[in-house]
mmCIF file of all heavy atoms, coordinates in Angstrom:
data_MODEL
# 
_entry.id   MODEL 
# 
loop_
_atom_site.group_PDB 
_atom_site.id 
_atom_site.type_symbol 
_atom_site.label_atom_id 
_atom_site.label_alt_id 
_atom_site.label_comp_id 
_atom_site.label_asym_id 
_atom_site.label_entity_id 
_atom_site.label_seq_id 
_atom_site.pdbx_PDB_ins_code 
_atom_site.Cartn_x 
_atom_site.Cartn_y 
_atom_site.Cartn_z 
_atom_site.occupancy 
_atom_site.B_iso_or_equiv 
_atom_site.pdbx_formal_charge 
_atom_site.auth_seq_id 
_atom_site.auth_comp_id 
_atom_site.auth_asym_id 
_atom_site.auth_atom_id 
_atom_site.pdbx_PDB_model_num 
ATOM 1   N N   . MET A 1 1  ? 0.865   -1.158 -0.013 1.00 0.00 ? 1  MET A N   1 
ATOM 2   C CA  . MET A 1 1  ? 0.012   -0.064 -0.030 1.00 0.00 ? 1  MET A CA  1 
ATOM 3   C C   . MET A 1 1  ? 0.818   1.297  0.020  1.00 0.00 ? 1  MET A C   1 
ATOM 4   O O   . MET A 1 1  ? 1.988   1.330  0.583  1.00 0.00 ? 1  MET A O   1 
ATOM 5   C CB  . MET A 1 1  ? -0.931  0.057  1.211  1.00 0.00 ? 1  MET A CB  1 
ATOM 6   C CG  . MET A 1 1  ? -1.879  -1.142 1.294  1.00 0.00 ? 1  MET A CG  1 
ATOM 7   S SD  . MET A 1 1  ? -2.789  -1.073 2.860  1.00 0.00 ? 1  MET A SD  1 
ATOM 8   C CE  . MET A 1 1  ? -4.428  -1.543 2.253  1.00 0.00 ? 1  MET A CE  1 
ATOM 9   N N   . PRO A 1 2  ? 0.410   2.280  -0.693 1.00 0.00 ? 2  PRO A N   1 
ATOM 10  C CA  . PRO A 1 2  ? 1.138   3.532  -0.683 1.00 0.00 ? 2  PRO A CA  1 
ATOM 11  C C   . PRO A 1 2  ? 1.225   4.050  0.805  1.00 0.00 ? 2  PRO A C   1 
ATOM 12  O O   . PRO A 1 2  ? 0.309   3.992  1.624  1.00 0.00 ? 2  PRO A O   1 
ATOM 13  C CB  . PRO A 1 2  ? 0.334   4.519  -1.487 1.00 0.00 ? 2  PRO A CB  1 
ATOM 14  C CG  . PRO A 1 2  ? -0.704  3.679  -2.229 1.00 0.00 ? 2  PRO A CG  1 
ATOM 15  C CD  . PRO A 1 2  ? -0.854  2.417  -1.467 1.00 0.00 ? 2  PRO A CD  1 
ATOM 16  N N   . GLY A 1 3  ? 2.429   4.538  1.195  1.00 0.00 ? 3  GLY A N   1 
ATOM 17  C CA  . GLY A 1 3  ? 2.683   5.137  2.506  1.00 0.00 ? 3  GLY A CA  1 
ATOM 18  C C   . GLY A 1 3  ? 2.950   4.125  3.576  1.00 0.00 ? 3  GLY A C   1 
ATOM 19  O O   . GLY A 1 3  ? 3.160   4.473  4.740  1.00 0.00 ? 3  GLY A O   1 
ATOM 20  N N   . PHE A 1 4  ? 3.077   2.831  3.236  1.00 0.00 ? 4  PHE A N   1 
ATOM 21  C CA  . PHE A 1 4  ? 3.331   1.789  4.227  1.00 0.00 ? 4  PHE A CA  1 
ATOM 22  C C   . PHE A 1 4  ? 4.696   2.106  4.841  1.00 0.00 ? 4  PHE A C   1 
ATOM 23  O O   . PHE A 1 4  ? 5.709   2.392  4.192  1.00 0.00 ? 4  PHE A O   1 
ATOM 24  C CB  . PHE A 1 4  ? 3.424   0.400  3.574  1.00 0.00 ? 4  PHE A CB  1 
ATOM 25  C CG  . PHE A 1 4  ? 3.974   -0.680 4.559  1.00 0.00 ? 4  PHE A CG  1 
ATOM 26  C CD1 . PHE A 1 4  ? 3.042   -1.191 5.442  1.00 0.00 ? 4  PHE A CD1 1 
ATOM 27  C CD2 . PHE A 1 4  ? 5.236   -1.064 4.604  1.00 0.00 ? 4  PHE A CD2 1 
ATOM 28  C CE1 . PHE A 1 4  ? 3.487   -2.138 6.376  1.00 0.00 ? 4  PHE A CE1 1 
ATOM 29  C CE2 . PHE A 1 4  ? 5.639   -2.018 5.457  1.00 0.00 ? 4  PHE A CE2 1 
ATOM 30  C CZ  . PHE A 1 4  ? 4.765   -2.549 6.339  1.00 0.00 ? 4  PHE A CZ  1 
ATOM 31  N N   . GLY A 1 5  ? 4.713   2.138  6.208  1.00 0.00 ? 5  GLY A N   1 
ATOM 32  C CA  . GLY A 1 5  ? 6.002   2.458  6.966  1.00 0.00 ? 5  GLY A CA  1 
ATOM 33  C C   . GLY A 1 5  ? 6.315   3.887  7.113  1.00 0.00 ? 5  GLY A C   1 
ATOM 34  O O   . GLY A 1 5  ? 7.324   4.181  7.676  1.00 0.00 ? 5  GLY A O   1 
ATOM 35  N N   . ALA A 1 6  ? 5.566   4.772  6.508  1.00 0.00 ? 6  ALA A N   1 
ATOM 36  C CA  . ALA A 1 6  ? 5.968   6.174  6.576  1.00 0.00 ? 6  ALA A CA  1 
ATOM 37  C C   . ALA A 1 6  ? 6.010   6.736  7.998  1.00 0.00 ? 6  ALA A C   1 
ATOM 38  O O   . ALA A 1 6  ? 6.711   7.723  8.180  1.00 0.00 ? 6  ALA A O   1 
ATOM 39  C CB  . ALA A 1 6  ? 4.940   7.031  5.686  1.00 0.00 ? 6  ALA A CB  1 
ATOM 40  N N   . LEU A 1 7  ? 5.276   6.205  8.889  1.00 0.00 ? 7  LEU A N   1 
ATOM 41  C CA  . LEU A 1 7  ? 5.261   6.667  10.232 1.00 0.00 ? 7  LEU A CA  1 
ATOM 42  C C   . LEU A 1 7  ? 6.092   5.918  11.209 1.00 0.00 ? 7  LEU A C   1 
ATOM 43  O O   . LEU A 1 7  ? 6.109   6.207  12.400 1.00 0.00 ? 7  LEU A O   1 
ATOM 44  C CB  . LEU A 1 7  ? 3.788   6.732  10.743 1.00 0.00 ? 7  LEU A CB  1 
ATOM 45  C CG  . LEU A 1 7  ? 2.848   7.608  9.910  1.00 0.00 ? 7  LEU A CG  1 
ATOM 46  C CD1 . LEU A 1 7  ? 1.386   7.477  10.458 1.00 0.00 ? 7  LEU A CD1 1 
ATOM 47  C CD2 . LEU A 1 7  ? 3.269   8.970  9.752  1.00 0.00 ? 7  LEU A CD2 1 
ATOM 48  N N   . ALA A 1 8  ? 6.809   4.859  10.729 1.00 0.00 ? 8  ALA A N   1 
ATOM 49  C CA  . ALA A 1 8  ? 7.591   3.946  11.547 1.00 0.00 ? 8  ALA A CA  1 
ATOM 50  C C   . ALA A 1 8  ? 8.712   4.767  12.253 1.00 0.00 ? 8  ALA A C   1 
ATOM 51  O O   . ALA A 1 8  ? 9.300   5.690  11.515 1.00 0.00 ? 8  ALA A O   1 
ATOM 52  C CB  . ALA A 1 8  ? 8.177   2.865  10.677 1.00 0.00 ? 8  ALA A CB  1 
ATOM 53  N N   . GLY A 1 9  ? 9.063   4.515  13.515 1.00 0.00 ? 9  GLY A N   1 
ATOM 54  C CA  . GLY A 1 9  ? 10.108  5.194  14.145 1.00 0.00 ? 9  GLY A CA  1 
ATOM 55  C C   . GLY A 1 9  ? 9.789   6.523  14.702 1.00 0.00 ? 9  GLY A C   1 
ATOM 56  O O   . GLY A 1 9  ? 10.610  7.202  15.328 1.00 0.00 ? 9  GLY A O   1 
ATOM 57  N N   . ARG A 1 10 ? 8.542   7.081  14.522 1.00 0.00 ? 10 ARG A N   1 
ATOM 58  C CA  . ARG A 1 10 ? 8.178   8.372  15.150 1.00 0.00 ? 10 ARG A CA  1 
ATOM 59  C C   . ARG A 1 10 ? 7.822   8.163  16.580 1.00 0.00 ? 10 ARG A C   1 
ATOM 60  O O   . ARG A 1 10 ? 7.399   7.144  17.020 1.00 0.00 ? 10 ARG A O   1 
ATOM 61  C CB  . ARG A 1 10 ? 6.905   8.910  14.418 1.00 0.00 ? 10 ARG A CB  1 
ATOM 62  C CG  . ARG A 1 10 ? 7.112   8.977  12.999 1.00 0.00 ? 10 ARG A CG  1 
ATOM 63  C CD  . ARG A 1 10 ? 7.780   10.341 12.549 1.00 0.00 ? 10 ARG A CD  1 
ATOM 64  N NE  . ARG A 1 10 ? 7.998   10.446 11.165 1.00 0.00 ? 10 ARG A NE  1 
ATOM 65  C CZ  . ARG A 1 10 ? 7.244   11.056 10.363 1.00 0.00 ? 10 ARG A CZ  1 
ATOM 66  N NH1 . ARG A 1 10 ? 6.172   11.684 10.768 1.00 0.00 ? 10 ARG A NH1 1 
ATOM 67  N NH2 . ARG A 1 10 ? 7.504   11.112 9.059  1.00 0.00 ? 10 ARG A NH2 1 
ATOM 68  N N   . HIS A 1 11 ? 8.207   9.081  17.470 1.00 0.00 ? 11 HIS A N   1 
ATOM 69  C CA  . HIS A 1 11 ? 7.981   9.020  18.930 1.00 0.00 ? 11 HIS A CA  1 
ATOM 70  C C   . HIS A 1 11 ? 6.503   9.113  19.230 1.00 0.00 ? 11 HIS A C   1 
ATOM 71  O O   . HIS A 1 11 ? 5.929   8.103  19.732 1.00 0.00 ? 11 HIS A O   1 
ATOM 72  C CB  . HIS A 1 11 ? 8.735   10.079 19.654 1.00 0.00 ? 11 HIS A CB  1 
ATOM 73  C CG  . HIS A 1 11 ? 8.598   9.981  21.100 1.00 0.00 ? 11 HIS A CG  1 
ATOM 74  N ND1 . HIS A 1 11 ? 8.977   8.934  21.852 1.00 0.00 ? 11 HIS A ND1 1 
ATOM 75  C CD2 . HIS A 1 11 ? 8.020   10.807 21.965 1.00 0.00 ? 11 HIS A CD2 1 
ATOM 76  C CE1 . HIS A 1 11 ? 8.717   9.078  23.129 1.00 0.00 ? 11 HIS A CE1 1 
ATOM 77  N NE2 . HIS A 1 11 ? 8.067   10.232 23.205 1.00 0.00 ? 11 HIS A NE2 1 
ATOM 78  N N   . LEU A 1 12 ? 5.755   10.168 18.832 1.00 0.00 ? 12 LEU A N   1 
ATOM 79  C CA  . LEU A 1 12 ? 4.401   10.325 19.069 1.00 0.00 ? 12 LEU A CA  1 
ATOM 80  C C   . LEU A 1 12 ? 3.742   10.766 17.747 1.00 0.00 ? 12 LEU A C   1 
ATOM 81  O O   . LEU A 1 12 ? 4.378   11.537 17.003 1.00 0.00 ? 12 LEU A O   1 
ATOM 82  C CB  . LEU A 1 12 ? 4.118   11.329 20.166 1.00 0.00 ? 12 LEU A CB  1 
ATOM 83  C CG  . LEU A 1 12 ? 4.424   10.810 21.651 1.00 0.00 ? 12 LEU A CG  1 
ATOM 84  C CD1 . LEU A 1 12 ? 4.187   12.071 22.528 1.00 0.00 ? 12 LEU A CD1 1 
ATOM 85  C CD2 . LEU A 1 12 ? 3.555   9.707  22.048 1.00 0.00 ? 12 LEU A CD2 1 
ATOM 86  N N   . LEU A 1 13 ? 2.494   10.257 17.544 1.00 0.00 ? 13 LEU A N   1 
ATOM 87  C CA  . LEU A 1 13 ? 1.718   10.639 16.345 1.00 0.00 ? 13 LEU A CA  1 
ATOM 88  C C   . LEU A 1 13 ? 0.490   11.209 16.707 1.00 0.00 ? 13 LEU A C   1 
ATOM 89  O O   . LEU A 1 13 ? -0.101  10.742 17.796 1.00 0.00 ? 13 LEU A O   1 
ATOM 90  C CB  . LEU A 1 13 ? 1.531   9.414  15.436 1.00 0.00 ? 13 LEU A CB  1 
ATOM 91  C CG  . LEU A 1 13 ? 2.821   8.791  14.780 1.00 0.00 ? 13 LEU A CG  1 
ATOM 92  C CD1 . LEU A 1 13 ? 2.397   7.548  14.109 1.00 0.00 ? 13 LEU A CD1 1 
ATOM 93  C CD2 . LEU A 1 13 ? 3.465   9.722  13.991 1.00 0.00 ? 13 LEU A CD2 1 
ATOM 94  N N   . TYR A 1 14 ? -0.086  12.153 16.016 1.00 0.00 ? 14 TYR A N   1 
ATOM 95  C CA  . TYR A 1 14 ? -1.311  12.731 16.365 1.00 0.00 ? 14 TYR A CA  1 
ATOM 96  C C   . TYR A 1 14 ? -2.229  12.647 15.126 1.00 0.00 ? 14 TYR A C   1 
ATOM 97  O O   . TYR A 1 14 ? -2.608  13.775 14.481 1.00 0.00 ? 14 TYR A O   1 
ATOM 98  C CB  . TYR A 1 14 ? -1.192  14.199 16.876 1.00 0.00 ? 14 TYR A CB  1 
ATOM 99  C CG  . TYR A 1 14 ? -0.396  14.227 18.123 1.00 0.00 ? 14 TYR A CG  1 
ATOM 100 C CD1 . TYR A 1 14 ? 0.976   14.409 18.211 1.00 0.00 ? 14 TYR A CD1 1 
ATOM 101 C CD2 . TYR A 1 14 ? -1.020  13.888 19.333 1.00 0.00 ? 14 TYR A CD2 1 
ATOM 102 C CE1 . TYR A 1 14 ? 1.704   14.426 19.341 1.00 0.00 ? 14 TYR A CE1 1 
ATOM 103 C CE2 . TYR A 1 14 ? -0.288  13.966 20.504 1.00 0.00 ? 14 TYR A CE2 1 
ATOM 104 C CZ  . TYR A 1 14 ? 1.030   14.192 20.556 1.00 0.00 ? 14 TYR A CZ  1 
ATOM 105 O OH  . TYR A 1 14 ? 1.745   14.218 21.642 1.00 0.00 ? 14 TYR A OH  1 
ATOM 106 N N   . PRO A 1 15 ? -2.776  11.545 14.738 1.00 0.00 ? 15 PRO A N   1 
ATOM 107 C CA  . PRO A 1 15 ? -3.677  11.450 13.563 1.00 0.00 ? 15 PRO A CA  1 
ATOM 108 C C   . PRO A 1 15 ? -5.079  11.840 13.993 1.00 0.00 ? 15 PRO A C   1 
ATOM 109 O O   . PRO A 1 15 ? -5.446  11.790 15.104 1.00 0.00 ? 15 PRO A O   1 
ATOM 110 C CB  . PRO A 1 15 ? -3.519  10.024 13.122 1.00 0.00 ? 15 PRO A CB  1 
ATOM 111 C CG  . PRO A 1 15 ? -3.238  9.212  14.386 1.00 0.00 ? 15 PRO A CG  1 
ATOM 112 C CD  . PRO A 1 15 ? -2.391  10.223 15.238 1.00 0.00 ? 15 PRO A CD  1 
ATOM 113 N N   . SER A 1 16 ? -5.852  12.289 12.959 1.00 0.00 ? 16 SER A N   1 
ATOM 114 C CA  . SER A 1 16 ? -7.232  12.458 13.137 1.00 0.00 ? 16 SER A CA  1 
ATOM 115 C C   . SER A 1 16 ? -7.947  11.788 11.939 1.00 0.00 ? 16 SER A C   1 
ATOM 116 O O   . SER A 1 16 ? -7.443  11.741 10.809 1.00 0.00 ? 16 SER A O   1 
ATOM 117 C CB  . SER A 1 16 ? -7.610  14.031 13.231 1.00 0.00 ? 16 SER A CB  1 
ATOM 118 O OG  . SER A 1 16 ? -7.246  14.588 11.976 1.00 0.00 ? 16 SER A OG  1 
ATOM 119 N N   . ARG A 1 17 ? -9.162  11.437 12.175 1.00 0.00 ? 17 ARG A N   1 
ATOM 120 C CA  . ARG A 1 17 ? -10.001 10.738 11.081 1.00 0.00 ? 17 ARG A CA  1 
ATOM 121 C C   . ARG A 1 17 ? -11.426 10.736 11.392 1.00 0.00 ? 17 ARG A C   1 
ATOM 122 O O   . ARG A 1 17 ? -11.824 10.841 12.556 1.00 0.00 ? 17 ARG A O   1 
ATOM 123 C CB  . ARG A 1 17 ? -9.488  9.468  10.795 1.00 0.00 ? 17 ARG A CB  1 
ATOM 124 C CG  . ARG A 1 17 ? -9.803  8.420  11.833 1.00 0.00 ? 17 ARG A CG  1 
ATOM 125 C CD  . ARG A 1 17 ? -9.443  6.961  11.427 1.00 0.00 ? 17 ARG A CD  1 
ATOM 126 N NE  . ARG A 1 17 ? -10.375 6.546  10.381 1.00 0.00 ? 17 ARG A NE  1 
ATOM 127 C CZ  . ARG A 1 17 ? -10.585 5.286  10.201 1.00 0.00 ? 17 ARG A CZ  1 
ATOM 128 N NH1 . ARG A 1 17 ? -10.061 4.395  10.920 1.00 0.00 ? 17 ARG A NH1 1 
ATOM 129 N NH2 . ARG A 1 17 ? -11.388 4.947  9.298  1.00 0.00 ? 17 ARG A NH2 1 
ATOM 130 N N   . ARG A 1 18 ? -12.218 10.682 10.399 1.00 0.00 ? 18 ARG A N   1 
ATOM 131 C CA  . ARG A 1 18 ? -13.670 10.354 10.578 1.00 0.00 ? 18 ARG A CA  1 
ATOM 132 C C   . ARG A 1 18 ? -13.870 8.812  10.516 1.00 0.00 ? 18 ARG A C   1 
ATOM 133 O O   . ARG A 1 18 ? -13.095 8.208  9.732  1.00 0.00 ? 18 ARG A O   1 
ATOM 134 C CB  . ARG A 1 18 ? -14.485 10.997 9.454  1.00 0.00 ? 18 ARG A CB  1 
ATOM 135 C CG  . ARG A 1 18 ? -14.497 12.442 9.414  1.00 0.00 ? 18 ARG A CG  1 
ATOM 136 C CD  . ARG A 1 18 ? -15.509 13.009 8.513  1.00 0.00 ? 18 ARG A CD  1 
ATOM 137 N NE  . ARG A 1 18 ? -15.451 14.380 8.258  1.00 0.00 ? 18 ARG A NE  1 
ATOM 138 C CZ  . ARG A 1 18 ? -16.029 15.266 9.206  1.00 0.00 ? 18 ARG A CZ  1 
ATOM 139 N NH1 . ARG A 1 18 ? -16.709 14.780 10.246 1.00 0.00 ? 18 ARG A NH1 1 
ATOM 140 N NH2 . ARG A 1 18 ? -15.883 16.551 9.020  1.00 0.00 ? 18 ARG A NH2 1 
ATOM 141 N N   . TRP A 1 19 ? -14.633 8.273  11.388 1.00 0.00 ? 19 TRP A N   1 
ATOM 142 C CA  . TRP A 1 19 ? -14.805 6.870  11.400 1.00 0.00 ? 19 TRP A CA  1 
ATOM 143 C C   . TRP A 1 19 ? -15.473 6.423  10.120 1.00 0.00 ? 19 TRP A C   1 
ATOM 144 O O   . TRP A 1 19 ? -15.064 5.344  9.637  1.00 0.00 ? 19 TRP A O   1 
ATOM 145 C CB  . TRP A 1 19 ? -15.654 6.490  12.654 1.00 0.00 ? 19 TRP A CB  1 
ATOM 146 C CG  . TRP A 1 19 ? -15.599 5.009  12.816 1.00 0.00 ? 19 TRP A CG  1 
ATOM 147 C CD1 . TRP A 1 19 ? -16.484 4.076  12.522 1.00 0.00 ? 19 TRP A CD1 1 
ATOM 148 C CD2 . TRP A 1 19 ? -14.486 4.261  13.332 1.00 0.00 ? 19 TRP A CD2 1 
ATOM 149 N NE1 . TRP A 1 19 ? -16.107 2.802  12.842 1.00 0.00 ? 19 TRP A NE1 1 
ATOM 150 C CE2 . TRP A 1 19 ? -14.815 2.886  13.346 1.00 0.00 ? 19 TRP A CE2 1 
ATOM 151 C CE3 . TRP A 1 19 ? -13.116 4.597  13.755 1.00 0.00 ? 19 TRP A CE3 1 
ATOM 152 C CZ2 . TRP A 1 19 ? -14.010 1.914  13.851 1.00 0.00 ? 19 TRP A CZ2 1 
ATOM 153 C CZ3 . TRP A 1 19 ? -12.304 3.602  14.360 1.00 0.00 ? 19 TRP A CZ3 1 
ATOM 154 C CH2 . TRP A 1 19 ? -12.784 2.285  14.237 1.00 0.00 ? 19 TRP A CH2 1 
ATOM 155 N N   . ASN A 1 20 ? -16.475 6.981  9.704  1.00 0.00 ? 20 ASN A N   1 
ATOM 156 C CA  . ASN A 1 20 ? -17.161 6.599  8.527  1.00 0.00 ? 20 ASN A CA  1 
ATOM 157 C C   . ASN A 1 20 ? -17.536 7.861  7.704  1.00 0.00 ? 20 ASN A C   1 
ATOM 158 O O   . ASN A 1 20 ? -18.466 8.596  8.046  1.00 0.00 ? 20 ASN A O   1 
ATOM 159 C CB  . ASN A 1 20 ? -18.465 5.827  8.819  1.00 0.00 ? 20 ASN A CB  1 
ATOM 160 C CG  . ASN A 1 20 ? -19.217 5.356  7.702  1.00 0.00 ? 20 ASN A CG  1 
ATOM 161 O OD1 . ASN A 1 20 ? -19.147 5.886  6.518  1.00 0.00 ? 20 ASN A OD1 1 
ATOM 162 N ND2 . ASN A 1 20 ? -19.909 4.239  7.798  1.00 0.00 ? 20 ASN A ND2 1 
ATOM 163 N N   . GLU A 1 21 ? -16.784 8.128  6.647  1.00 0.00 ? 21 GLU A N   1 
ATOM 164 C CA  . GLU A 1 21 ? -16.959 9.353  5.906  1.00 0.00 ? 21 GLU A CA  1 
ATOM 165 C C   . GLU A 1 21 ? -18.425 9.634  5.411  1.00 0.00 ? 21 GLU A C   1 
ATOM 166 O O   . GLU A 1 21 ? -18.968 10.770 5.370  1.00 0.00 ? 21 GLU A O   1 
ATOM 167 C CB  . GLU A 1 21 ? -16.116 9.428  4.660  1.00 0.00 ? 21 GLU A CB  1 
ATOM 168 C CG  . GLU A 1 21 ? -14.626 9.447  5.059  1.00 0.00 ? 21 GLU A CG  1 
ATOM 169 C CD  . GLU A 1 21 ? -14.167 10.792 5.628  1.00 0.00 ? 21 GLU A CD  1 
ATOM 170 O OE1 . GLU A 1 21 ? -14.827 11.796 5.356  1.00 0.00 ? 21 GLU A OE1 1 
ATOM 171 O OE2 . GLU A 1 21 ? -13.126 10.837 6.302  1.00 0.00 ? 21 GLU A OE2 1 
ATOM 172 N N   . ASP A 1 22 ? -19.131 8.527  5.090  1.00 0.00 ? 22 ASP A N   1 
ATOM 173 C CA  . ASP A 1 22 ? -20.495 8.659  4.450  1.00 0.00 ? 22 ASP A CA  1 
ATOM 174 C C   . ASP A 1 22 ? -21.633 8.911  5.480  1.00 0.00 ? 22 ASP A C   1 
ATOM 175 O O   . ASP A 1 22 ? -22.595 9.498  5.169  1.00 0.00 ? 22 ASP A O   1 
ATOM 176 C CB  . ASP A 1 22 ? -20.821 7.413  3.593  1.00 0.00 ? 22 ASP A CB  1 
ATOM 177 C CG  . ASP A 1 22 ? -19.783 7.270  2.423  1.00 0.00 ? 22 ASP A CG  1 
ATOM 178 O OD1 . ASP A 1 22 ? -19.351 8.330  2.013  1.00 0.00 ? 22 ASP A OD1 1 
ATOM 179 O OD2 . ASP A 1 22 ? -19.584 6.119  2.008  1.00 0.00 ? 22 ASP A OD2 1 
ATOM 180 N N   . HIS A 1 23 ? -21.424 8.322  6.668  1.00 0.00 ? 23 HIS A N   1 
ATOM 181 C CA  . HIS A 1 23 ? -22.599 8.336  7.613  1.00 0.00 ? 23 HIS A CA  1 
ATOM 182 C C   . HIS A 1 23 ? -22.363 8.854  8.931  1.00 0.00 ? 23 HIS A C   1 
ATOM 183 O O   . HIS A 1 23 ? -23.240 8.922  9.716  1.00 0.00 ? 23 HIS A O   1 
ATOM 184 C CB  . HIS A 1 23 ? -23.098 6.816  7.738  1.00 0.00 ? 23 HIS A CB  1 
ATOM 185 C CG  . HIS A 1 23 ? -23.455 6.183  6.517  1.00 0.00 ? 23 HIS A CG  1 
ATOM 186 N ND1 . HIS A 1 23 ? -22.564 5.394  5.823  1.00 0.00 ? 23 HIS A ND1 1 
ATOM 187 C CD2 . HIS A 1 23 ? -24.606 6.207  5.833  1.00 0.00 ? 23 HIS A CD2 1 
ATOM 188 C CE1 . HIS A 1 23 ? -23.160 4.943  4.704  1.00 0.00 ? 23 HIS A CE1 1 
ATOM 189 N NE2 . HIS A 1 23 ? -24.399 5.407  4.707  1.00 0.00 ? 23 HIS A NE2 1 
ATOM 190 N N   . ASP A 1 24 ? -21.213 9.346  9.262  1.00 0.00 ? 24 ASP A N   1 
ATOM 191 C CA  . ASP A 1 24 ? -20.866 9.729  10.585 1.00 0.00 ? 24 ASP A CA  1 
ATOM 192 C C   . ASP A 1 24 ? -19.984 11.019 10.593 1.00 0.00 ? 24 ASP A C   1 
ATOM 193 O O   . ASP A 1 24 ? -18.943 11.017 9.940  1.00 0.00 ? 24 ASP A O   1 
ATOM 194 C CB  . ASP A 1 24 ? -20.164 8.623  11.324 1.00 0.00 ? 24 ASP A CB  1 
ATOM 195 C CG  . ASP A 1 24 ? -19.910 8.890  12.838 1.00 0.00 ? 24 ASP A CG  1 
ATOM 196 O OD1 . ASP A 1 24 ? -20.432 9.954  13.300 1.00 0.00 ? 24 ASP A OD1 1 
ATOM 197 O OD2 . ASP A 1 24 ? -19.404 7.983  13.571 1.00 0.00 ? 24 ASP A OD2 1 
ATOM 198 N N   . ALA A 1 25 ? -20.460 12.054 11.250 1.00 0.00 ? 25 ALA A N   1 
ATOM 199 C CA  . ALA A 1 25 ? -19.667 13.263 11.261 1.00 0.00 ? 25 ALA A CA  1 
ATOM 200 C C   . ALA A 1 25 ? -18.659 13.340 12.424 1.00 0.00 ? 25 ALA A C   1 
ATOM 201 O O   . ALA A 1 25 ? -17.927 14.288 12.541 1.00 0.00 ? 25 ALA A O   1 
ATOM 202 C CB  . ALA A 1 25 ? -20.564 14.536 11.283 1.00 0.00 ? 25 ALA A CB  1 
# 
């Protein structure tokens, strides 16, 4: 997959996301 391993070795990450783009805000 594109981006596989891009975040490896980082100390802390702060991602954000919508659980379900179509049905949940």
